[in-house]
């Protein structure tokens, strides 16, 4: 049992050491109410590391850039950032479709 505890402790130590590589400590000024609600949500979800949650939000915000970079790297062209809406070829009625789907469930 002691070997397993030692292994777990070493794994956690290396995991934290790797996680701290190439990190930057920063300060932000944010609305108090917004911050309180964000931290409360993290507590509800069982998230203990606020920094990781903020990193995830930032990555999600920048995901379009990551995807564009990957496409550029694969195809050698800059993909269009804006998607222009087009008219469907067939007449559609989303409200009717949703209503039908809801009626099927009951």
C-alpha atoms as a PDB file:
ATOM      1  CA  UNK A   1       0.000   0.000   0.000  1.00  0.00           C
ATOM      2  CA  UNK A   2       2.870   2.397   0.777  1.00  0.00           C
ATOM      3  CA  UNK A   3       4.318   1.887  -2.714  1.00  0.00           C
ATOM      4  CA  UNK A   4       0.965   2.842  -4.270  1.00  0.00           C
ATOM      5  CA  UNK A   5       0.768   5.974  -2.083  1.00  0.00           C
ATOM      6  CA  UNK A   6       4.323   6.919  -3.058  1.00  0.00           C
ATOM      7  CA  UNK A   7       3.544   6.355  -6.743  1.00  0.00           C
ATOM      8  CA  UNK A   8       0.401   8.497  -6.471  1.00  0.00           C
ATOM      9  CA  UNK A   9       2.292  11.267  -4.678  1.00  0.00           C
ATOM     10  CA  UNK A  10       5.067  11.269  -7.285  1.00  0.00           C
ATOM     11  CA  UNK A  11       2.513  11.278 -10.118  1.00  0.00           C
ATOM     12  CA  UNK A  12       0.682  14.229  -8.614  1.00  0.00           C
ATOM     13  CA  UNK A  13       3.938  16.099  -8.044  1.00  0.00           C
ATOM     14  CA  UNK A  14       5.088  15.622 -11.665  1.00  0.00           C
ATOM     15  CA  UNK A  15       1.629  16.463 -12.983  1.00  0.00           C
ATOM     16  CA  UNK A  16       1.662  19.753 -11.064  1.00  0.00           C
ATOM     17  CA  UNK A  17       5.274  20.454 -12.064  1.00  0.00           C
ATOM     18  CA  UNK A  18       4.452  19.932 -15.748  1.00  0.00           C
ATOM     19  CA  UNK A  19       1.303  22.031 -15.408  1.00  0.00           C
ATOM     20  CA  UNK A  20       3.328  24.941 -13.985  1.00  0.00           C
ATOM     21  CA  UNK A  21       5.806  24.991 -16.877  1.00  0.00           C
ATOM     22  CA  UNK A  22       5.464  28.041 -19.100  1.00  0.00           C
ATOM     23  CA  UNK A  23       2.736  29.700 -17.059  1.00  0.00           C
ATOM     24  CA  UNK A  24       2.303  33.387 -16.369  1.00  0.00           C
ATOM     25  CA  UNK A  25       0.866  34.923 -13.250  1.00  0.00           C
ATOM     26  CA  UNK A  26      -1.407  37.856 -13.981  1.00  0.00           C
ATOM     27  CA  UNK A  27      -3.857  40.199 -12.320  1.00  0.00           C
ATOM     28  CA  UNK A  28      -7.229  41.150 -13.718  1.00  0.00           C
ATOM     29  CA  UNK A  29      -9.833  43.651 -12.627  1.00  0.00           C
ATOM     30  CA  UNK A  30     -13.301  42.188 -12.959  1.00  0.00           C
ATOM     31  CA  UNK A  31     -16.819  42.955 -11.803  1.00  0.00           C
ATOM     32  CA  UNK A  32     -17.273  41.630  -8.259  1.00  0.00           C
ATOM     33  CA  UNK A  33     -20.726  40.137  -8.936  1.00  0.00           C
ATOM     34  CA  UNK A  34     -19.520  38.395 -12.084  1.00  0.00           C
ATOM     35  CA  UNK A  35     -16.491  36.952 -10.289  1.00  0.00           C
ATOM     36  CA  UNK A  36     -18.606  35.725  -7.367  1.00  0.00           C
ATOM     37  CA  UNK A  37     -21.059  34.012  -9.691  1.00  0.00           C
ATOM     38  CA  UNK A  38     -18.225  32.415 -11.673  1.00  0.00           C
ATOM     39  CA  UNK A  39     -16.551  31.041  -8.551  1.00  0.00           C
ATOM     40  CA  UNK A  40     -19.914  29.811  -7.215  1.00  0.00           C
ATOM     41  CA  UNK A  41     -20.493  27.957 -10.497  1.00  0.00           C
ATOM     42  CA  UNK A  42     -17.060  26.356 -10.235  1.00  0.00           C
ATOM     43  CA  UNK A  43     -17.844  25.209  -6.682  1.00  0.00           C
ATOM     44  CA  UNK A  44     -21.154  23.729  -7.847  1.00  0.00           C
ATOM     45  CA  UNK A  45     -19.339  21.818 -10.581  1.00  0.00           C
ATOM     46  CA  UNK A  46     -16.617  20.650  -8.190  1.00  0.00           C
ATOM     47  CA  UNK A  47     -13.832  22.542  -9.950  1.00  0.00           C
ATOM     48  CA  UNK A  48     -11.061  23.328  -7.509  1.00  0.00           C
ATOM     49  CA  UNK A  49      -8.566  25.109  -9.754  1.00  0.00           C
ATOM     50  CA  UNK A  50      -9.871  28.478 -10.903  1.00  0.00           C
ATOM     51  CA  UNK A  51      -6.837  29.008 -13.138  1.00  0.00           C
ATOM     52  CA  UNK A  52      -7.649  25.936 -15.204  1.00  0.00           C
ATOM     53  CA  UNK A  53     -11.259  27.044 -15.599  1.00  0.00           C
ATOM     54  CA  UNK A  54     -10.155  30.472 -16.811  1.00  0.00           C
ATOM     55  CA  UNK A  55      -7.664  28.866 -19.223  1.00  0.00           C
ATOM     56  CA  UNK A  56     -10.484  26.723 -20.593  1.00  0.00           C
ATOM     57  CA  UNK A  57     -12.676  29.798 -21.139  1.00  0.00           C
ATOM     58  CA  UNK A  58      -9.816  31.572 -22.929  1.00  0.00           C
ATOM     59  CA  UNK A  59      -9.064  28.514 -25.093  1.00  0.00           C
ATOM     60  CA  UNK A  60     -12.741  28.238 -26.003  1.00  0.00           C
ATOM     61  CA  UNK A  61     -12.774  31.917 -26.953  1.00  0.00           C
ATOM     62  CA  UNK A  62      -9.698  31.409 -29.145  1.00  0.00           C
ATOM     63  CA  UNK A  63     -10.792  28.048 -30.596  1.00  0.00           C
ATOM     64  CA  UNK A  64     -11.722  29.660 -33.900  1.00  0.00           C
ATOM     65  CA  UNK A  65      -8.140  30.903 -34.211  1.00  0.00           C
ATOM     66  CA  UNK A  66      -6.733  27.442 -33.419  1.00  0.00           C
ATOM     67  CA  UNK A  67      -8.970  25.866 -36.058  1.00  0.00           C
ATOM     68  CA  UNK A  68      -8.055  28.514 -38.643  1.00  0.00           C
ATOM     69  CA  UNK A  69      -4.351  27.967 -37.916  1.00  0.00           C
ATOM     70  CA  UNK A  70      -4.752  24.195 -38.328  1.00  0.00           C
ATOM     71  CA  UNK A  71      -6.588  24.618 -41.648  1.00  0.00           C
ATOM     72  CA  UNK A  72      -3.962  27.094 -42.848  1.00  0.00           C
ATOM     73  CA  UNK A  73      -1.231  24.628 -41.939  1.00  0.00           C
ATOM     74  CA  UNK A  74      -2.971  21.729 -43.705  1.00  0.00           C
ATOM     75  CA  UNK A  75      -4.174  23.516 -46.815  1.00  0.00           C
ATOM     76  CA  UNK A  76      -1.756  26.415 -47.055  1.00  0.00           C
ATOM     77  CA  UNK A  77      -4.592  28.941 -47.344  1.00  0.00           C
ATOM     78  CA  UNK A  78      -6.294  31.269 -44.926  1.00  0.00           C
ATOM     79  CA  UNK A  79      -9.847  30.045 -44.329  1.00  0.00           C
ATOM     80  CA  UNK A  80     -12.710  32.538 -44.337  1.00  0.00           C
ATOM     81  CA  UNK A  81     -13.553  33.612 -40.787  1.00  0.00           C
ATOM     82  CA  UNK A  82     -17.063  34.795 -41.579  1.00  0.00           C
ATOM     83  CA  UNK A  83     -19.726  32.320 -42.655  1.00  0.00           C
ATOM     84  CA  UNK A  84     -22.347  33.855 -44.906  1.00  0.00           C
ATOM     85  CA  UNK A  85     -25.907  32.558 -44.567  1.00  0.00           C
ATOM     86  CA  UNK A  86     -27.455  30.980 -47.641  1.00  0.00           C
ATOM     87  CA  UNK A  87     -31.042  30.293 -48.591  1.00  0.00           C
ATOM     88  CA  UNK A  88     -31.961  26.623 -48.308  1.00  0.00           C
ATOM     89  CA  UNK A  89     -32.759  24.858 -51.561  1.00  0.00           C
ATOM     90  CA  UNK A  90     -35.867  23.332 -49.996  1.00  0.00           C
ATOM     91  CA  UNK A  91     -38.453  25.322 -48.066  1.00  0.00           C
ATOM     92  CA  UNK A  92     -38.050  24.664 -44.348  1.00  0.00           C
ATOM     93  CA  UNK A  93     -40.030  25.405 -41.212  1.00  0.00           C
ATOM     94  CA  UNK A  94     -37.987  24.801 -38.083  1.00  0.00           C
ATOM     95  CA  UNK A  95     -40.958  25.468 -35.809  1.00  0.00           C
ATOM     96  CA  UNK A  96     -43.006  22.722 -37.458  1.00  0.00           C
ATOM     97  CA  UNK A  97     -40.124  20.248 -37.315  1.00  0.00           C
ATOM     98  CA  UNK A  98     -39.501  20.919 -33.614  1.00  0.00           C
ATOM     99  CA  UNK A  99     -43.222  20.582 -32.869  1.00  0.00           C
ATOM    100  CA  UNK A 100     -43.324  17.218 -34.687  1.00  0.00           C
ATOM    101  CA  UNK A 101     -40.290  15.970 -32.766  1.00  0.00           C
ATOM    102  CA  UNK A 102     -41.848  17.026 -29.456  1.00  0.00           C
ATOM    103  CA  UNK A 103     -45.138  15.325 -30.340  1.00  0.00           C
ATOM    104  CA  UNK A 104     -43.289  12.085 -31.128  1.00  0.00           C
ATOM    105  CA  UNK A 105     -41.822  12.006 -27.595  1.00  0.00           C
ATOM    106  CA  UNK A 106     -45.233  12.098 -25.912  1.00  0.00           C
END
